[in-house]
Amino acid sequence: MKSTKLCAFSLSLLFSAAMATAADTAGNFFDENGAYYGPDCEKDGSQFNGAYYTGNYESPFKTYLGKTDAEIKEKMDAMWEHYFKGDNNSKVFFDKGNEGYIKDINNNDIRSEGMSYGMMIAVQTGHKEEFDKLWNWAKAHMWHKGGDWDGYFAWQRREDGTGDDNCAPDGEMYFMMSLLFAANRWDDDQYRKDALYIMDKMWNNPSHKLFNQGNYIIVFQPLGNGNDFSDPSYDLPAYLELFSRWAEKDTDKWKKAVTAARDHLYKSSNSSSGLFADYSSFNGQPQSYSYNSNSTKYMYDAMRCAMNFGMDYYLFGADSTREIEMANRIINFFEKDGYQHARFNWDGSNPQEQYTQGEAGANAVAAIALRSTADSEEKIKKNLQNAWDTKFMTGQYRYYDGLVHYLAMLHLSGNFKIWKPKPTVEEKSVEASEYCGVKIEKDTTFYAFESCKLYKVSAKPETIAIGSKIKLNNAVRVWSTNSAIVIENAVVGTKFAVTDLNGRVLKSAKTSSAMQEVRINSRGNFLVIVGDKTYKVVK
């Protein structure tokens, strides 16, 4: 863990194209409506390297594949149009006026999984109208308020609102997280109240507990023998981290669930292949189940595990050593397979079916964890390119793989952010030529994150007082060319500054050679301060 000092960009130029580069390098702390996703610290002032702490969500598509902001935006806009606004062979979102739902086309039903995925996609892409339509439908037809399943969601419904009242825990996890993000992004406390109601019932519903009360691992289903094992793709440690910070009660239990989820994911990763089984015992071994003959294999649920630990790595980084190990195993396995197959036994034997769109996305998120390991760049690029090149799905089976790929693309494009409660902002004034990476050439205002505090900084350019008597140094020569001012014979590393006649600093740095060129485009009279000597130059 380490402490950091981070700054952002000029408030007056917050949304201008000219400041896009500064935002990428210094950290973009707010969206266009003032919602915050910037840096943070632990209570003791410490930090890990994840985006929760740094506020840096730069897309690996940019850093590894060289994609531009415009290309990434075009891709993500096209995904939204395809899956939410497309024709009946592409869309999975169906608008029903004040309500709307995500439909599993193959099974001709509506699932808590898909509804909560849709809400997460909507809040991360800033589509409040569609978010509200989905939440209205879920509240009216899925959410149990009162009764035996109080606080939980029916996992399956038909379009008329009837169906199976029991729950599927991945839905609860995504509903809670998307509602908290919506509360913070859109400053709507009702979303937060709804999320807190659900969070309370996950521990305190007298009939059903989402987590095992002894080991704090999420259960396969809080009903009957479904309480006795888990599905590792339900382990979402990054979400649990945020629940532990934002819950109003049971915070000690949420914290224990964070550790339990990370441990369970690690134990469930095969030590050779890196694959996960669809269902696992609490000790991580594949779990057989009577109604699912494939429960011990790497199948449909299990592919999400790579995305789960990959997002935990880049969002928090608190379990980075084990997550790098898991990423190495599973990416190396698919490298050997040539990214050809989709289904395997837990140990990687018996390959079946063709590599899917969902796997391409999930594995690319896992590959992010390899960015600090040697000789991994080509593997990272390959997985990112696979995710980028994946065609949007159409037809009967587009619902599940299409949405898993969409969620992965949010992570990979830099569009998945931790939307946080409004921060406390203090004010300070500075006079400098540069402050925390921000060049100050005129009076400006920007945000800075220092010593775990967020500041609104009012900055003025640094000025240097010039005395009436100019000292000369015969060892140093200063002259001008058409494009630059040249400093000759100064010791390498000598501080210098170029100012106008009023002392306003135009350039400042240290000499890097005995013949230092300082590029100045304007013409006129300048003062050049080299060490403690000042020279007047006409250009």
Protein backbone atom coordinates (compact mmCIF):
# COMPACT_ATOMS: atom_id res chain seq x y z
CA MET A 1 0.00 0.00 0.00
CA LYS A 2 1.18 3.51 -0.66
CA SER A 3 0.08 7.12 -0.59
CA THR A 4 -0.31 9.19 -3.72
CA LYS A 5 -0.77 12.78 -4.81
CA LEU A 6 -3.16 13.29 -7.70
CA CYS A 7 -4.46 16.32 -9.54
CA ALA A 8 -7.14 16.95 -12.11
CA PHE A 9 -7.84 19.48 -14.80
CA SER A 10 -9.07 23.05 -15.12
CA LEU A 11 -12.71 23.47 -14.12
CA SER A 12 -13.19 26.14 -16.72
CA LEU A 13 -12.08 23.68 -19.41
CA LEU A 14 -13.53 20.56 -17.79
CA PHE A 15 -15.31 19.30 -20.87
CA SER A 16 -13.26 20.82 -23.69
CA ALA A 17 -11.32 18.70 -26.14
CA ALA A 18 -8.18 20.66 -25.30
CA MET A 19 -8.11 19.24 -21.80
CA ALA A 20 -8.77 15.59 -22.73
CA THR A 21 -5.08 14.69 -22.57
CA ALA A 22 -4.65 16.36 -19.18
CA ALA A 23 -7.66 14.46 -17.89
CA ASP A 24 -6.21 11.16 -19.05
CA THR A 25 -2.87 11.73 -17.37
CA ALA A 26 -4.00 13.48 -14.21
CA GLY A 27 -7.33 11.80 -13.47
CA ASN A 28 -10.86 12.68 -14.47
CA PHE A 29 -12.72 13.15 -11.19
CA PHE A 30 -16.25 14.23 -12.20
CA ASP A 31 -18.73 13.66 -15.01
CA GLU A 32 -20.58 16.44 -16.82
CA ASN A 33 -23.23 16.59 -14.08
CA GLY A 34 -20.77 16.72 -11.19
CA ALA A 35 -20.95 13.03 -10.19
CA TYR A 36 -17.68 11.94 -8.57
CA TYR A 37 -15.54 8.92 -9.40
CA GLY A 38 -12.16 10.28 -8.35
CA PRO A 39 -9.47 9.20 -5.89
CA ASP A 40 -9.97 7.97 -2.35
CA CYS A 41 -8.05 6.55 0.59
CA GLU A 42 -8.58 4.08 3.38
CA LYS A 43 -9.38 5.58 6.78
CA ASP A 44 -5.73 5.26 7.81
CA GLY A 45 -4.62 7.22 4.74
CA SER A 46 -3.23 4.20 2.87
CA GLN A 47 -3.99 3.20 -0.70
CA PHE A 48 -3.66 0.31 -3.09
CA ASN A 49 -3.13 0.84 -6.82
CA GLY A 50 -6.68 0.23 -8.02
CA ALA A 51 -8.91 2.79 -9.71
CA TYR A 52 -10.92 3.22 -6.50
CA TYR A 53 -7.84 4.90 -5.03
CA THR A 54 -6.37 6.62 -8.11
CA GLY A 55 -9.48 7.68 -10.02
CA ASN A 56 -7.72 6.50 -13.20
CA TYR A 57 -9.97 4.53 -15.57
CA GLU A 58 -7.90 4.85 -18.72
CA SER A 59 -8.93 2.21 -21.24
CA PRO A 60 -6.42 -0.57 -22.03
CA PHE A 61 -7.78 -0.34 -25.58
CA LYS A 62 -5.92 2.99 -25.70
CA THR A 63 -2.75 1.97 -23.88
CA TYR A 64 -2.26 -1.41 -25.58
CA LEU A 65 -4.10 -1.24 -28.90
CA GLY A 66 -3.74 2.48 -29.60
CA LYS A 67 -7.49 3.06 -29.98
CA THR A 68 -8.58 6.68 -29.81
CA ASP A 69 -11.28 8.12 -27.57
CA ALA A 70 -13.44 8.60 -30.64
CA GLU A 71 -13.03 4.97 -31.75
CA ILE A 72 -13.87 3.68 -28.28
CA LYS A 73 -16.93 5.92 -28.02
CA GLU A 74 -18.13 4.81 -31.44
CA LYS A 75 -17.79 1.15 -30.42
CA MET A 76 -19.64 1.59 -27.13
CA ASP A 77 -22.39 3.72 -28.67
CA ALA A 78 -22.90 1.02 -31.29
CA MET A 79 -23.24 -1.64 -28.57
CA TRP A 80 -25.96 0.38 -26.86
CA GLU A 81 -27.85 0.88 -30.12
CA HIS A 82 -27.55 -2.81 -30.97
CA TYR A 83 -28.67 -4.39 -27.69
CA PHE A 84 -31.04 -1.70 -26.41
CA LYS A 85 -32.42 0.05 -29.49
CA GLY A 86 -31.93 -2.45 -32.31
CA ASP A 87 -34.35 -4.57 -34.28
CA ASN A 88 -35.99 -7.75 -33.02
CA ASN A 89 -33.02 -9.84 -34.11
CA SER A 90 -30.49 -7.83 -32.08
CA LYS A 91 -32.02 -6.07 -29.07
CA VAL A 92 -32.53 -7.67 -25.67
CA PHE A 93 -34.19 -4.62 -24.07
CA PHE A 94 -37.90 -4.25 -24.66
CA ASP A 95 -39.54 -0.91 -23.86
CA LYS A 96 -43.00 -1.12 -22.29
CA GLY A 97 -43.75 2.52 -21.63
CA ASN A 98 -43.05 3.26 -17.98
CA GLU A 99 -41.38 -0.12 -17.67
CA GLY A 100 -38.96 -2.22 -19.67
CA TYR A 101 -37.23 -5.58 -19.41
CA ILE A 102 -34.24 -7.57 -20.62
CA LYS A 103 -35.36 -10.79 -22.27
CA ASP A 104 -33.60 -14.15 -22.49
CA ILE A 105 -34.51 -14.81 -26.11
CA ASN A 106 -33.65 -18.53 -26.10
CA ASN A 107 -35.69 -19.32 -22.98
CA ASN A 108 -38.41 -16.76 -23.73
CA ASP A 109 -38.36 -15.35 -20.20
CA ILE A 110 -37.03 -12.50 -18.03
CA ARG A 111 -34.35 -13.19 -15.42
CA SER A 112 -33.00 -11.26 -12.44
CA GLU A 113 -29.54 -11.80 -13.89
CA GLY A 114 -30.38 -10.00 -17.13
CA MET A 115 -32.44 -7.27 -15.48
CA SER A 116 -29.63 -6.40 -13.07
CA TYR A 117 -27.03 -6.58 -15.87
CA GLY A 118 -29.18 -4.19 -17.88
CA MET A 119 -29.38 -1.76 -14.97
CA MET A 120 -25.59 -1.86 -14.53
CA ILE A 121 -25.09 -1.18 -18.23
CA ALA A 122 -27.58 1.70 -18.11
CA VAL A 123 -26.03 3.44 -15.09
CA GLN A 124 -22.49 3.06 -16.42
CA THR A 125 -23.46 4.46 -19.83
CA GLY A 126 -25.56 7.27 -18.37
CA HIS A 127 -28.98 6.14 -19.62
CA LYS A 128 -31.24 7.05 -16.71
CA GLU A 129 -34.51 6.62 -18.61
CA GLU A 130 -33.79 2.99 -19.46
CA PHE A 131 -32.43 2.38 -15.96
CA ASP A 132 -35.71 3.59 -14.45
CA LYS A 133 -37.80 1.50 -16.84
CA LEU A 134 -35.85 -1.63 -15.87
CA TRP A 135 -36.05 -0.87 -12.16
CA ASN A 136 -39.78 -0.14 -12.42
CA TRP A 137 -40.36 -3.54 -14.03
CA ALA A 138 -38.16 -5.35 -11.49
CA LYS A 139 -39.93 -3.64 -8.57
CA ALA A 140 -43.38 -4.41 -9.93
CA HIS A 141 -42.81 -8.02 -10.99
CA MET A 142 -39.69 -9.44 -9.30
CA TRP A 143 -38.91 -7.73 -6.01
CA HIS A 144 -40.37 -9.30 -2.88
CA LYS A 145 -41.31 -6.63 -0.32
CA GLY A 146 -42.54 -8.63 2.63
CA GLY A 147 -43.26 -12.33 2.94
CA ASP A 148 -40.86 -15.25 3.10
CA TRP A 149 -38.53 -13.89 0.41
CA ASP A 150 -38.57 -10.29 1.72
CA GLY A 151 -35.85 -8.24 0.01
CA TYR A 152 -35.01 -10.84 -2.64
CA PHE A 153 -35.89 -11.04 -6.34
CA ALA A 154 -37.71 -13.75 -8.23
CA TRP A 155 -35.04 -15.17 -10.50
CA GLN A 156 -37.41 -15.89 -13.42
CA ARG A 157 -40.55 -14.30 -14.79
CA ARG A 158 -42.60 -14.57 -17.93
CA GLU A 159 -43.70 -11.41 -19.72
CA ASP A 160 -46.99 -11.45 -17.80
CA GLY A 161 -45.09 -11.24 -14.49
CA THR A 162 -45.65 -14.84 -13.34
CA GLY A 163 -42.88 -17.35 -12.73
CA ASP A 164 -40.47 -18.81 -10.15
CA ASP A 165 -40.32 -16.84 -6.88
CA ASN A 166 -36.94 -18.22 -5.73
CA CYS A 167 -33.77 -16.18 -6.16
CA ALA A 168 -30.50 -16.41 -8.12
CA PRO A 169 -27.84 -14.53 -6.06
CA ASP A 170 -25.94 -12.94 -8.95
CA GLY A 171 -29.08 -10.90 -9.58
CA GLU A 172 -29.15 -9.60 -6.01
CA MET A 173 -25.48 -8.63 -6.23
CA TYR A 174 -25.92 -6.65 -9.46
CA PHE A 175 -29.19 -5.05 -8.33
CA MET A 176 -27.59 -3.74 -5.13
CA MET A 177 -24.49 -2.44 -6.87
CA SER A 178 -26.29 -0.75 -9.77
CA LEU A 179 -28.71 0.98 -7.38
CA LEU A 180 -25.87 2.38 -5.25
CA PHE A 181 -24.07 3.64 -8.36
CA ALA A 182 -27.32 5.22 -9.58
CA ALA A 183 -27.87 6.94 -6.22
CA ASN A 184 -24.41 8.50 -6.43
CA ARG A 185 -24.34 9.28 -10.15
CA TRP A 186 -27.81 10.80 -10.34
CA ASP A 187 -28.02 12.16 -6.78
CA ASP A 188 -31.23 10.26 -6.03
CA ASP A 189 -31.55 9.04 -2.45
CA GLN A 190 -34.45 6.69 -3.23
CA TYR A 191 -32.11 4.41 -5.17
CA ARG A 192 -29.85 4.30 -2.11
CA LYS A 193 -32.77 3.51 0.21
CA ASP A 194 -33.85 0.67 -2.08
CA ALA A 195 -30.31 -0.72 -2.17
CA LEU A 196 -29.94 -0.52 1.61
CA TYR A 197 -33.26 -2.36 2.07
CA ILE A 198 -31.99 -5.22 -0.10
CA MET A 199 -28.58 -5.23 1.63
CA ASP A 200 -30.22 -5.49 5.04
CA LYS A 201 -32.35 -8.47 4.02
CA MET A 202 -29.37 -10.38 2.60
CA TRP A 203 -28.20 -10.85 6.21
CA ASN A 204 -31.36 -10.34 8.24
CA ASN A 205 -34.21 -12.06 6.41
CA PRO A 206 -35.12 -14.72 9.01
CA SER A 207 -35.78 -17.41 6.36
CA HIS A 208 -33.06 -16.85 3.76
CA LYS A 209 -29.42 -15.70 4.06
CA LEU A 210 -27.49 -14.84 0.91
CA PHE A 211 -24.20 -15.75 2.61
CA ASN A 212 -23.22 -18.78 4.64
CA GLN A 213 -23.32 -17.65 8.26
CA GLY A 214 -20.18 -19.57 9.19
CA ASN A 215 -17.75 -18.82 6.36
CA TYR A 216 -19.40 -15.73 4.75
CA ILE A 217 -19.26 -17.20 1.22
CA ILE A 218 -22.22 -16.41 -1.03
CA VAL A 219 -24.41 -19.50 -1.42
CA PHE A 220 -25.71 -21.08 -4.60
CA GLN A 221 -29.26 -20.34 -3.48
CA PRO A 222 -30.47 -19.50 0.04
CA LEU A 223 -32.96 -22.37 0.03
CA GLY A 224 -32.59 -26.01 1.17
CA ASN A 225 -29.33 -27.69 0.17
CA GLY A 226 -28.53 -24.71 -2.04
CA ASN A 227 -27.17 -23.23 1.20
CA ASP A 228 -24.44 -25.88 1.33
CA PHE A 229 -22.30 -24.88 -1.65
CA SER A 230 -21.64 -21.95 -3.97
CA ASP A 231 -21.26 -20.76 -7.54
CA PRO A 232 -17.85 -19.04 -7.84
CA SER A 233 -19.18 -16.74 -10.56
CA TYR A 234 -21.31 -15.16 -7.80
CA ASP A 235 -18.09 -14.11 -6.00
CA LEU A 236 -17.83 -10.37 -6.70
CA PRO A 237 -15.23 -9.03 -4.25
CA ALA A 238 -15.14 -5.56 -5.83
CA TYR A 239 -18.87 -5.13 -5.18
CA LEU A 240 -18.55 -6.48 -1.66
CA GLU A 241 -15.76 -3.96 -1.00
CA LEU A 242 -18.17 -1.15 -1.82
CA PHE A 243 -21.01 -2.68 0.19
CA SER A 244 -18.69 -2.81 3.21
CA ARG A 245 -17.98 0.92 2.79
CA TRP A 246 -21.50 2.14 2.02
CA ALA A 247 -23.71 -0.11 4.17
CA GLU A 248 -25.41 1.42 7.21
CA LYS A 249 -25.32 -1.84 9.17
CA ASP A 250 -23.63 -5.26 9.13
CA THR A 251 -20.38 -3.68 7.93
CA ASP A 252 -18.31 -6.28 9.78
CA LYS A 253 -20.16 -9.05 7.92
CA TRP A 254 -19.68 -7.34 4.55
CA LYS A 255 -15.95 -7.03 5.27
CA LYS A 256 -15.72 -10.72 6.10
CA ALA A 257 -17.61 -11.48 2.86
CA VAL A 258 -14.95 -9.55 0.89
CA THR A 259 -12.18 -11.78 2.22
CA ALA A 260 -14.32 -14.90 1.81
CA ALA A 261 -15.08 -14.09 -1.85
CA ARG A 262 -11.41 -13.54 -2.71
CA ASP A 263 -10.40 -16.73 -0.94
CA HIS A 264 -13.16 -18.75 -2.60
CA LEU A 265 -12.30 -17.51 -6.09
CA TYR A 266 -8.66 -18.42 -5.53
CA LYS A 267 -9.49 -21.89 -4.19
CA SER A 268 -11.92 -22.50 -7.06
CA SER A 269 -9.28 -21.75 -9.72
CA ASN A 270 -7.76 -25.04 -10.86
CA SER A 271 -4.07 -25.02 -9.94
CA SER A 272 -3.08 -26.19 -13.43
CA SER A 273 -5.68 -25.00 -15.97
CA GLY A 274 -6.88 -21.94 -14.05
CA LEU A 275 -10.45 -22.89 -14.97
CA PHE A 276 -13.42 -22.75 -12.61
CA ALA A 277 -16.32 -25.15 -12.19
CA ASP A 278 -19.86 -23.87 -12.52
CA TYR A 279 -20.58 -24.93 -8.93
CA SER A 280 -18.02 -25.31 -6.15
CA SER A 281 -17.94 -26.46 -2.59
CA PHE A 282 -16.90 -23.92 0.02
CA ASN A 283 -13.34 -25.30 -0.20
CA GLY A 284 -13.23 -24.61 -3.94
CA GLN A 285 -13.61 -28.15 -5.26
CA PRO A 286 -16.17 -28.80 -8.04
CA GLN A 287 -19.63 -29.50 -6.63
CA SER A 288 -21.94 -32.03 -8.25
CA TYR A 289 -25.66 -31.34 -8.17
CA SER A 290 -28.51 -33.65 -9.10
CA TYR A 291 -30.29 -31.50 -11.64
CA ASN A 292 -27.16 -30.22 -13.43
CA SER A 293 -24.89 -32.90 -14.88
CA ASN A 294 -22.36 -30.25 -15.94
CA SER A 295 -22.03 -28.51 -12.59
CA THR A 296 -18.45 -29.74 -12.04
CA LYS A 297 -17.26 -28.44 -15.42
CA TYR A 298 -16.15 -25.08 -16.82
CA MET A 299 -19.43 -24.11 -18.48
CA TYR A 300 -21.69 -21.08 -18.85
CA ASP A 301 -21.57 -19.60 -15.35
CA ALA A 302 -17.87 -20.27 -14.80
CA MET A 303 -16.61 -18.06 -17.62
CA ARG A 304 -17.67 -14.99 -15.58
CA CYS A 305 -15.08 -15.74 -12.87
CA ALA A 306 -12.27 -14.31 -15.00
CA MET A 307 -14.14 -11.00 -15.27
CA ASN A 308 -14.86 -11.03 -11.53
CA PHE A 309 -11.26 -11.30 -10.36
CA GLY A 310 -10.05 -9.11 -13.23
CA MET A 311 -12.32 -6.24 -12.18
CA ASP A 312 -11.28 -6.67 -8.54
CA TYR A 313 -7.66 -6.38 -9.64
CA TYR A 314 -8.01 -3.11 -11.54
CA LEU A 315 -10.65 -1.51 -9.31
CA PHE A 316 -8.97 -2.28 -5.96
CA GLY A 317 -5.73 -4.23 -6.29
CA ALA A 318 -5.90 -5.48 -2.69
CA ASP A 319 -5.45 -9.14 -3.70
CA SER A 320 -3.21 -8.51 -6.68
CA THR A 321 -0.66 -11.29 -6.09
CA ARG A 322 -3.25 -14.08 -6.20
CA GLU A 323 -5.25 -12.43 -8.98
CA ILE A 324 -2.12 -12.18 -11.15
CA GLU A 325 -1.52 -15.87 -10.47
CA MET A 326 -5.09 -16.75 -11.49
CA ALA A 327 -4.83 -14.60 -14.61
CA ASN A 328 -1.57 -16.25 -15.64
CA ARG A 329 -3.07 -19.71 -15.29
CA ILE A 330 -6.27 -19.13 -17.22
CA ILE A 331 -4.75 -16.98 -19.97
CA ASN A 332 -1.89 -19.45 -20.48
CA PHE A 333 -4.46 -22.25 -20.72
CA PHE A 334 -6.42 -20.50 -23.45
CA GLU A 335 -3.17 -19.60 -25.21
CA LYS A 336 -2.40 -23.32 -25.48
CA ASP A 337 -5.96 -23.99 -26.63
CA GLY A 338 -5.61 -21.26 -29.24
CA TYR A 339 -8.84 -19.67 -28.02
CA GLN A 340 -10.72 -22.36 -29.90
CA HIS A 341 -12.96 -24.04 -27.32
CA ALA A 342 -15.54 -22.95 -24.76
CA ARG A 343 -16.34 -25.87 -22.43
CA PHE A 344 -13.94 -28.10 -20.50
CA ASN A 345 -13.61 -30.36 -17.54
CA TRP A 346 -12.24 -28.47 -14.53
CA ASP A 347 -8.71 -29.70 -15.27
CA GLY A 348 -8.92 -28.49 -18.88
CA SER A 349 -9.53 -31.85 -20.51
CA ASN A 350 -12.35 -32.74 -22.93
CA PRO A 351 -12.61 -29.46 -24.89
CA GLN A 352 -16.05 -28.82 -26.41
CA GLU A 353 -17.87 -26.13 -28.40
CA GLN A 354 -16.49 -22.94 -29.93
CA TYR A 355 -14.90 -20.09 -27.96
CA THR A 356 -17.64 -17.55 -27.23
CA GLN A 357 -18.15 -13.80 -27.25
CA GLY A 358 -18.66 -13.80 -23.48
CA GLU A 359 -15.39 -15.62 -22.90
CA ALA A 360 -13.53 -13.21 -25.18
CA GLY A 361 -14.72 -10.33 -23.02
CA ALA A 362 -14.29 -11.96 -19.61
CA ASN A 363 -10.79 -13.25 -20.35
CA ALA A 364 -9.71 -9.84 -21.63
CA VAL A 365 -10.70 -8.32 -18.26
CA ALA A 366 -8.63 -11.02 -16.52
CA ALA A 367 -5.68 -10.23 -18.81
CA ILE A 368 -5.53 -6.71 -17.32
CA ALA A 369 -4.02 -8.36 -14.23
CA LEU A 370 -0.98 -9.36 -16.32
CA ARG A 371 0.09 -5.78 -17.07
CA SER A 372 2.77 -5.84 -14.36
CA THR A 373 4.23 -9.21 -15.35
CA ALA A 374 7.14 -9.72 -17.71
CA ASP A 375 6.60 -10.98 -21.26
CA SER A 376 2.80 -10.62 -21.07
CA GLU A 377 2.24 -7.70 -23.44
CA GLU A 378 1.44 -9.83 -26.48
CA LYS A 379 -1.01 -12.00 -24.53
CA ILE A 380 -2.74 -8.90 -23.19
CA LYS A 381 -2.97 -7.41 -26.67
CA LYS A 382 -4.32 -10.65 -28.11
CA ASN A 383 -7.11 -10.85 -25.53
CA LEU A 384 -7.97 -7.18 -25.92
CA GLN A 385 -8.07 -7.57 -29.70
CA ASN A 386 -10.33 -10.63 -29.33
CA ALA A 387 -12.75 -8.62 -27.22
CA TRP A 388 -12.60 -5.61 -29.55
CA ASP A 389 -13.14 -7.69 -32.71
CA THR A 390 -16.02 -9.72 -31.29
CA LYS A 391 -19.14 -9.12 -33.35
CA PHE A 392 -22.30 -8.07 -31.58
CA MET A 393 -24.59 -11.05 -31.23
CA THR A 394 -27.86 -11.58 -33.05
CA GLY A 395 -30.41 -14.37 -33.07
CA GLN A 396 -31.62 -16.87 -30.52
CA TYR A 397 -28.60 -16.98 -28.19
CA ARG A 398 -27.64 -13.31 -28.04
CA TYR A 399 -28.87 -12.63 -24.49
CA TYR A 400 -26.28 -14.24 -22.20
CA ASP A 401 -23.00 -14.10 -24.10
CA GLY A 402 -23.98 -10.73 -25.53
CA LEU A 403 -24.50 -9.18 -22.09
CA VAL A 404 -21.38 -10.74 -20.54
CA HIS A 405 -19.38 -9.34 -23.45
CA TYR A 406 -21.09 -5.94 -23.00
CA LEU A 407 -20.20 -5.82 -19.29
CA ALA A 408 -16.62 -6.75 -20.10
CA MET A 409 -16.43 -4.01 -22.72
CA LEU A 410 -17.51 -1.47 -20.10
CA HIS A 411 -14.47 -2.47 -18.05
CA LEU A 412 -12.11 -2.52 -21.02
CA SER A 413 -13.29 0.80 -22.49
CA GLY A 414 -12.90 2.77 -19.25
CA ASN A 415 -16.67 3.27 -19.01
CA PHE A 416 -17.16 1.19 -15.86
CA LYS A 417 -16.56 3.56 -12.95
CA ILE A 418 -17.06 3.50 -9.21
CA TRP A 419 -19.61 6.29 -8.75
CA LYS A 420 -19.06 7.58 -5.23
CA PRO A 421 -20.97 9.72 -2.74
CA LYS A 422 -20.30 13.45 -3.06
CA PRO A 423 -16.88 14.21 -1.60
CA THR A 424 -15.90 16.97 0.81
CA VAL A 425 -14.02 19.63 -1.15
CA GLU A 426 -11.66 22.12 0.50
CA GLU A 427 -10.25 25.23 -1.17
CA LYS A 428 -6.69 26.45 -1.54
CA SER A 429 -4.75 29.04 -3.58
CA VAL A 430 -1.37 28.53 -5.21
CA GLU A 431 1.05 30.55 -7.33
CA ALA A 432 3.19 28.35 -9.55
CA SER A 433 4.17 27.63 -13.13
CA GLU A 434 3.08 24.01 -12.63
CA TYR A 435 1.15 22.35 -9.84
CA CYS A 436 0.59 18.64 -9.53
CA GLY A 437 1.11 18.15 -13.26
CA VAL A 438 -1.12 21.03 -14.35
CA LYS A 439 0.62 23.76 -16.38
CA ILE A 440 -0.45 27.17 -15.10
CA GLU A 441 -0.12 29.84 -17.78
CA LYS A 442 -3.08 31.98 -16.70
CA ASP A 443 -5.41 32.28 -13.71
CA THR A 444 -7.33 29.01 -13.51
CA THR A 445 -9.14 26.62 -11.15
CA PHE A 446 -8.80 22.86 -10.94
CA TYR A 447 -9.14 19.95 -8.52
CA ALA A 448 -6.22 18.35 -6.69
CA PHE A 449 -6.19 15.24 -4.49
CA GLU A 450 -3.45 15.50 -1.88
CA SER A 451 -2.90 13.64 1.38
CA CYS A 452 -6.33 12.02 0.99
CA LYS A 453 -8.13 15.35 0.67
CA LEU A 454 -9.82 16.81 -2.39
CA TYR A 455 -9.10 20.47 -3.06
CA LYS A 456 -10.52 23.05 -5.40
CA VAL A 457 -7.35 24.93 -6.31
CA SER A 458 -7.33 28.55 -7.46
CA ALA A 459 -4.02 28.97 -9.26
CA LYS A 460 -2.09 31.95 -10.59
CA PRO A 461 1.02 31.80 -12.77
CA GLU A 462 4.25 32.09 -10.86
CA THR A 463 5.99 35.46 -11.11
CA ILE A 464 9.64 36.18 -10.40
CA ALA A 465 10.58 39.56 -9.01
CA ILE A 466 13.22 41.24 -11.20
CA GLY A 467 15.59 43.70 -9.49
CA SER A 468 16.77 46.91 -11.13
CA LYS A 469 20.30 45.57 -11.36
CA ILE A 470 20.88 42.56 -13.66
CA LYS A 471 23.76 40.30 -12.63
CA LEU A 472 25.90 38.80 -15.38
CA ASN A 473 27.74 35.50 -15.53
CA ASN A 474 30.59 35.45 -18.03
CA ALA A 475 30.74 31.61 -18.04
CA VAL A 476 27.20 31.28 -19.42
CA ARG A 477 26.06 32.58 -22.77
CA VAL A 478 22.41 33.16 -23.65
CA TRP A 479 21.17 34.07 -27.12
CA SER A 480 18.18 33.56 -29.37
CA THR A 481 17.40 31.94 -32.72
CA ASN A 482 14.23 32.23 -34.80
CA SER A 483 12.58 29.41 -32.84
CA ALA A 484 14.35 29.16 -29.49
CA ILE A 485 16.41 30.73 -26.74
CA VAL A 486 19.75 28.96 -26.25
CA ILE A 487 21.54 28.57 -22.91
CA GLU A 488 25.21 27.60 -23.36
CA ASN A 489 27.82 26.42 -20.82
CA ALA A 490 25.43 26.08 -17.85
CA VAL A 491 26.10 23.03 -15.66
CA VAL A 492 23.69 20.23 -16.53
CA GLY A 493 20.87 20.26 -13.99
CA THR A 494 20.94 24.03 -13.46
CA LYS A 495 17.48 25.50 -12.90
CA PHE A 496 16.36 28.05 -15.47
CA ALA A 497 13.28 30.08 -16.25
CA VAL A 498 12.22 32.26 -19.18
CA THR A 499 9.91 35.16 -18.26
CA ASP A 500 8.47 38.26 -19.84
CA LEU A 501 9.66 41.65 -18.58
CA ASN A 502 6.99 41.57 -15.85
CA GLY A 503 8.39 38.34 -14.43
CA ARG A 504 5.59 36.09 -15.67
CA VAL A 505 7.10 32.62 -16.15
CA LEU A 506 6.78 31.23 -19.69
CA LYS A 507 9.03 28.18 -19.39
CA SER A 508 10.93 26.64 -16.48
CA ALA A 509 12.96 23.46 -16.07
CA LYS A 510 16.53 22.23 -15.52
CA THR A 511 19.21 22.18 -18.20
CA SER A 512 19.74 18.72 -19.68
CA SER A 513 22.81 19.54 -21.80
CA ALA A 514 25.57 22.14 -22.17
CA MET A 515 23.65 23.58 -25.15
CA GLN A 516 20.08 23.89 -23.91
CA GLU A 517 17.43 24.98 -26.39
CA VAL A 518 14.20 26.45 -25.00
CA ARG A 519 11.45 26.57 -27.61
CA ILE A 520 9.66 29.93 -27.56
CA ASN A 521 7.24 30.75 -30.39
CA SER A 522 6.59 34.39 -29.55
CA ARG A 523 8.94 37.33 -30.23
CA GLY A 524 10.01 40.28 -28.10
CA ASN A 525 12.06 40.96 -24.97
CA PHE A 526 12.63 38.16 -22.48
CA LEU A 527 14.45 37.61 -19.22
CA VAL A 528 16.31 34.33 -18.80
CA ILE A 529 17.17 33.31 -15.24
CA VAL A 530 19.92 30.69 -15.08
CA GLY A 531 20.70 29.68 -11.53
CA ASP A 532 20.97 33.01 -9.69
CA LYS A 533 21.92 35.02 -12.79
CA THR A 534 19.55 36.93 -15.09
CA TYR A 535 19.99 37.75 -18.77
CA LYS A 536 17.98 39.96 -21.09
CA VAL A 537 17.36 38.54 -24.57
CA VAL A 538 15.68 40.04 -27.60
CA LYS A 539 14.06 37.55 -29.97
